[in-house]
Amino acid sequence: MNMLSMLALKLQMILNREEGQDLIEYALLVGLISLAAVAAIGPIGSDLKAIYTSIANQLTAAN
């Protein structure tokens, strides 16, 4: 084998490696779950604030 074909073979072996593929997939999955959690926290947070404010007002009125 000449040097050029050995280089081409080595390059092909590097491009066909799949060792880091699982890690990237898990990172993307964690990123998407985090994004969904952040998007859901906003509306839930304002609803919880309204509930706690209502409870606080009722407790204040009961005294």
N, C-alpha and C. Protein backbone atom coordinates (compact mmCIF):
# COMPACT_ATOMS: atom_id res chain seq x y z
N MET A 1 0.84 -1.19 0.00
CA MET A 1 0.00 0.00 0.00
C MET A 1 0.88 1.25 0.00
N ASN A 2 0.47 2.17 -0.79
CA ASN A 2 1.23 3.41 -0.78
C ASN A 2 0.71 4.35 0.31
N MET A 3 1.38 5.41 0.53
CA MET A 3 1.07 6.33 1.62
C MET A 3 -0.31 6.98 1.46
N LEU A 4 -0.71 7.28 0.23
CA LEU A 4 -2.00 7.93 -0.01
C LEU A 4 -3.15 6.99 0.32
N SER A 5 -3.05 5.73 -0.07
CA SER A 5 -4.14 4.79 0.23
C SER A 5 -4.20 4.49 1.73
N MET A 6 -3.05 4.47 2.41
CA MET A 6 -3.06 4.28 3.87
C MET A 6 -3.72 5.46 4.56
N LEU A 7 -3.46 6.66 4.06
CA LEU A 7 -4.08 7.86 4.62
C LEU A 7 -5.59 7.83 4.39
N ALA A 8 -6.02 7.44 3.19
CA ALA A 8 -7.44 7.36 2.89
C ALA A 8 -8.12 6.31 3.76
N LEU A 9 -7.46 5.18 4.00
CA LEU A 9 -8.01 4.13 4.85
C LEU A 9 -8.14 4.62 6.28
N LYS A 10 -7.13 5.30 6.78
CA LYS A 10 -7.16 5.84 8.14
C LYS A 10 -8.26 6.88 8.29
N LEU A 11 -8.44 7.74 7.30
CA LEU A 11 -9.49 8.75 7.32
C LEU A 11 -10.86 8.09 7.32
N GLN A 12 -11.03 7.06 6.53
CA GLN A 12 -12.31 6.33 6.49
C GLN A 12 -12.60 5.68 7.84
N MET A 13 -11.59 5.14 8.51
CA MET A 13 -11.78 4.53 9.81
C MET A 13 -12.20 5.57 10.85
N ILE A 14 -11.63 6.77 10.77
CA ILE A 14 -11.98 7.84 11.70
C ILE A 14 -13.42 8.29 11.48
N LEU A 15 -13.83 8.41 10.23
CA LEU A 15 -15.18 8.87 9.93
C LEU A 15 -16.24 7.84 10.28
N ASN A 16 -15.89 6.56 10.31
CA ASN A 16 -16.85 5.51 10.60
C ASN A 16 -16.99 5.20 12.09
N ARG A 17 -16.19 5.83 12.93
CA ARG A 17 -16.28 5.58 14.37
C ARG A 17 -17.60 6.08 14.92
N GLU A 18 -18.21 5.31 15.80
CA GLU A 18 -19.50 5.68 16.38
C GLU A 18 -19.43 5.74 17.89
N GLU A 19 -18.26 5.86 18.47
CA GLU A 19 -18.11 5.83 19.91
C GLU A 19 -18.80 7.01 20.60
N GLY A 20 -18.73 8.18 20.03
CA GLY A 20 -19.30 9.37 20.66
C GLY A 20 -20.75 9.61 20.30
N GLN A 21 -21.32 8.79 19.45
CA GLN A 21 -22.69 8.99 18.98
C GLN A 21 -23.69 8.88 20.13
N ASP A 22 -23.54 7.90 21.00
CA ASP A 22 -24.46 7.73 22.11
C ASP A 22 -24.42 8.93 23.04
N LEU A 23 -23.24 9.43 23.31
CA LEU A 23 -23.10 10.58 24.20
C LEU A 23 -23.81 11.80 23.63
N ILE A 24 -23.68 12.01 22.35
CA ILE A 24 -24.34 13.15 21.70
C ILE A 24 -25.86 12.99 21.76
N GLU A 25 -26.35 11.77 21.54
CA GLU A 25 -27.79 11.53 21.61
C GLU A 25 -28.33 11.80 23.00
N TYR A 26 -27.61 11.35 24.03
CA TYR A 26 -28.04 11.61 25.40
C TYR A 26 -28.01 13.09 25.72
N ALA A 27 -27.01 13.79 25.23
CA ALA A 27 -26.91 15.23 25.47
C ALA A 27 -28.07 15.96 24.81
N LEU A 28 -28.43 15.57 23.60
CA LEU A 28 -29.58 16.19 22.93
C LEU A 28 -30.87 15.90 23.67
N LEU A 29 -31.02 14.68 24.17
CA LEU A 29 -32.22 14.31 24.91
C LEU A 29 -32.33 15.13 26.20
N VAL A 30 -31.24 15.26 26.93
CA VAL A 30 -31.24 16.06 28.16
C VAL A 30 -31.55 17.52 27.83
N GLY A 31 -31.01 18.03 26.75
CA GLY A 31 -31.28 19.41 26.34
C GLY A 31 -32.75 19.64 26.02
N LEU A 32 -33.35 18.71 25.31
CA LEU A 32 -34.77 18.85 24.97
C LEU A 32 -35.66 18.75 26.20
N ILE A 33 -35.34 17.84 27.11
CA ILE A 33 -36.11 17.72 28.34
C ILE A 33 -35.98 18.99 29.18
N SER A 34 -34.78 19.55 29.25
CA SER A 34 -34.57 20.80 29.99
C SER A 34 -35.35 21.94 29.38
N LEU A 35 -35.36 22.01 28.07
CA LEU A 35 -36.10 23.06 27.39
C LEU A 35 -37.60 22.95 27.67
N ALA A 36 -38.12 21.73 27.64
CA ALA A 36 -39.55 21.52 27.94
C ALA A 36 -39.86 21.88 29.38
N ALA A 37 -38.96 21.55 30.30
CA ALA A 37 -39.18 21.87 31.72
C ALA A 37 -39.20 23.38 31.93
N VAL A 38 -38.28 24.09 31.31
CA VAL A 38 -38.24 25.54 31.45
C VAL A 38 -39.49 26.18 30.86
N ALA A 39 -39.95 25.66 29.74
CA ALA A 39 -41.16 26.20 29.10
C ALA A 39 -42.39 25.95 29.96
N ALA A 40 -42.42 24.85 30.70
CA ALA A 40 -43.58 24.52 31.52
C ALA A 40 -43.57 25.24 32.86
N ILE A 41 -42.41 25.62 33.36
CA ILE A 41 -42.30 26.24 34.68
C ILE A 41 -42.95 27.63 34.71
N GLY A 42 -42.88 28.37 33.63
CA GLY A 42 -43.45 29.72 33.60
C GLY A 42 -44.93 29.75 33.91
N PRO A 43 -45.77 29.09 33.15
CA PRO A 43 -47.21 29.11 33.44
C PRO A 43 -47.56 28.45 34.78
N ILE A 44 -46.87 27.39 35.13
CA ILE A 44 -47.15 26.73 36.40
C ILE A 44 -46.77 27.64 37.56
N GLY A 45 -45.67 28.35 37.43
CA GLY A 45 -45.24 29.25 38.49
C GLY A 45 -46.24 30.36 38.76
N SER A 46 -46.79 30.95 37.71
CA SER A 46 -47.76 32.02 37.91
C SER A 46 -49.06 31.47 38.51
N ASP A 47 -49.46 30.27 38.13
CA ASP A 47 -50.65 29.64 38.72
C ASP A 47 -50.43 29.36 40.20
N LEU A 48 -49.26 28.85 40.55
CA LEU A 48 -48.96 28.58 41.96
C LEU A 48 -48.93 29.87 42.78
N LYS A 49 -48.42 30.92 42.20
CA LYS A 49 -48.39 32.20 42.91
C LYS A 49 -49.81 32.67 43.20
N ALA A 50 -50.71 32.53 42.25
CA ALA A 50 -52.10 32.93 42.45
C ALA A 50 -52.76 32.09 43.54
N ILE A 51 -52.47 30.80 43.56
CA ILE A 51 -53.05 29.92 44.59
C ILE A 51 -52.55 30.31 45.97
N TYR A 52 -51.23 30.51 46.11
CA TYR A 52 -50.68 30.87 47.42
C TYR A 52 -51.15 32.25 47.88
N THR A 53 -51.33 33.17 46.95
CA THR A 53 -51.84 34.49 47.30
C THR A 53 -53.27 34.39 47.81
N SER A 54 -54.07 33.56 47.16
CA SER A 54 -55.44 33.35 47.60
C SER A 54 -55.49 32.74 48.99
N ILE A 55 -54.66 31.76 49.25
CA ILE A 55 -54.61 31.12 50.57
C ILE A 55 -54.17 32.14 51.62
N ALA A 56 -53.17 32.94 51.30
CA ALA A 56 -52.69 33.95 52.25
C ALA A 56 -53.78 34.97 52.55
N ASN A 57 -54.52 35.38 51.55
CA ASN A 57 -55.61 36.35 51.76
C ASN A 57 -56.71 35.75 52.63
N GLN A 58 -57.04 34.48 52.41
CA GLN A 58 -58.07 33.82 53.22
C GLN A 58 -57.61 33.68 54.66
N LEU A 59 -56.33 33.36 54.88
CA LEU A 59 -55.82 33.24 56.25
C LEU A 59 -55.81 34.59 56.95
N THR A 60 -55.47 35.63 56.22
CA THR A 60 -55.45 36.97 56.80
C THR A 60 -56.87 37.40 57.16
N ALA A 61 -57.84 37.10 56.31
CA ALA A 61 -59.24 37.46 56.57
C ALA A 61 -59.81 36.67 57.74
N ALA A 62 -59.33 35.45 57.96
CA ALA A 62 -59.86 34.61 59.03
C ALA A 62 -59.41 35.09 60.40
N ASN A 63 -58.35 35.86 60.48
CA ASN A 63 -57.85 36.33 61.79
C ASN A 63 -58.63 37.47 62.23
